[in-house]
Amino acid sequence: MSAIITTMGTIKAVHGANPGPASGITYDVEVNLDGIGKVVAQGVVPHHQRWPDIVDTVAANIGDRVAVEIIGKAMHFAIAETASVTECP
């Protein structure tokens, strides 16, 4: 069984339409790994269920801190996204 390592990362880039469909939004996240140093994971998505594509999603911001769990060779990112809401005319 793999150990679970919990650490933090920083969003360095946001890719895709913002706001836009969640499936089109990805992130580059910098993670500081013990014994290795800073590593940038590119094109990652949140590990949790995202908004359906019929809802425009607002991406997290560059500079936001995110929780990262490392299980074996897999990284899981807790990136907060919100639904785009606008006032009705």
Protein backbone atom coordinates (compact mmCIF):
# COMPACT_ATOMS: atom_id res chain seq x y z
CA MET A 1 0.00 0.00 0.00
CA SER A 2 1.32 3.45 -0.94
CA ALA A 3 1.82 6.17 1.61
CA ILE A 4 -0.23 9.33 1.20
CA ILE A 5 1.81 12.53 1.12
CA THR A 6 -0.09 15.78 1.66
CA THR A 7 1.43 19.06 0.52
CA MET A 8 0.50 22.35 -1.13
CA GLY A 9 0.88 23.68 -4.65
CA THR A 10 0.51 27.04 -6.40
CA ILE A 11 -1.40 27.58 -9.65
CA LYS A 12 1.07 28.97 -12.20
CA ALA A 13 -1.12 28.99 -15.33
CA VAL A 14 -4.75 28.54 -16.35
CA HIS A 15 -5.58 27.20 -19.82
CA GLY A 16 -8.91 27.27 -21.68
CA ALA A 17 -11.89 29.58 -21.85
CA ASN A 18 -12.56 31.28 -18.52
CA PRO A 19 -15.42 31.25 -17.83
CA GLY A 20 -16.24 28.30 -20.01
CA PRO A 21 -16.95 24.57 -19.93
CA ALA A 22 -15.09 22.88 -17.08
CA SER A 23 -13.86 20.12 -19.40
CA GLY A 24 -11.85 22.74 -21.32
CA ILE A 25 -10.06 24.25 -18.29
CA THR A 26 -6.69 22.90 -17.16
CA TYR A 27 -3.99 24.17 -14.83
CA ASP A 28 -0.23 24.15 -14.40
CA VAL A 29 0.54 23.69 -10.68
CA GLU A 30 3.93 24.08 -9.03
CA VAL A 31 4.51 21.60 -6.22
CA ASN A 32 7.56 21.55 -3.92
CA LEU A 33 8.55 17.91 -3.39
CA ASP A 34 10.88 16.91 -0.55
CA GLY A 35 14.24 15.78 -1.86
CA ILE A 36 13.40 16.83 -5.43
CA GLY A 37 12.51 20.52 -5.32
CA LYS A 38 9.92 22.42 -7.31
CA VAL A 39 8.06 20.47 -10.00
CA VAL A 40 5.41 21.90 -12.33
CA ALA A 41 2.58 19.51 -13.14
CA GLN A 42 1.08 20.66 -16.44
CA GLY A 43 -2.45 20.24 -17.76
CA VAL A 44 -3.97 19.04 -14.49
CA VAL A 45 -7.63 19.13 -13.49
CA PRO A 46 -9.29 19.02 -10.05
CA HIS A 47 -9.63 15.53 -8.59
CA HIS A 48 -13.25 16.08 -7.56
CA GLN A 49 -16.37 16.18 -9.73
CA ARG A 50 -16.56 19.34 -11.82
CA TRP A 51 -19.48 21.46 -13.02
CA PRO A 52 -21.28 20.00 -16.05
CA ASP A 53 -20.35 21.67 -19.34
CA ILE A 54 -23.80 23.26 -19.68
CA VAL A 55 -22.73 25.53 -16.78
CA ASP A 56 -19.96 28.05 -17.46
CA THR A 57 -17.19 27.45 -14.94
CA VAL A 58 -14.94 30.14 -13.47
CA ALA A 59 -11.41 28.81 -13.10
CA ALA A 60 -9.24 29.19 -10.04
CA ASN A 61 -6.77 32.10 -10.18
CA ILE A 62 -3.06 32.14 -10.91
CA GLY A 63 -1.34 32.30 -7.52
CA ASP A 64 -4.06 30.35 -5.68
CA ARG A 65 -2.75 27.76 -3.26
CA VAL A 66 -4.19 24.27 -3.65
CA ALA A 67 -3.97 21.13 -1.54
CA VAL A 68 -2.14 18.24 -3.21
CA GLU A 69 -2.22 14.58 -2.21
CA ILE A 70 0.39 12.25 -3.65
CA ILE A 71 -0.57 8.59 -3.64
CA GLY A 72 2.09 6.38 -5.20
CA LYS A 73 2.97 8.10 -8.49
CA ALA A 74 -0.37 9.95 -8.80
CA MET A 75 -1.01 13.55 -7.74
CA HIS A 76 -4.53 14.66 -6.79
CA PHE A 77 -5.29 18.39 -6.83
CA ALA A 78 -7.99 20.15 -4.77
CA ILE A 79 -8.64 23.11 -7.08
CA ALA A 80 -11.66 25.28 -6.29
CA GLU A 81 -13.79 26.27 -9.27
CA THR A 82 -17.12 28.07 -9.20
CA ALA A 83 -20.14 28.36 -11.47
CA SER A 84 -20.33 31.57 -13.45
CA VAL A 85 -23.34 33.55 -12.34
CA THR A 86 -24.53 36.77 -13.91
CA GLU A 87 -27.46 38.97 -13.08
CA CYS A 88 -30.52 38.39 -15.21
CA PRO A 89 -31.44 41.33 -17.47
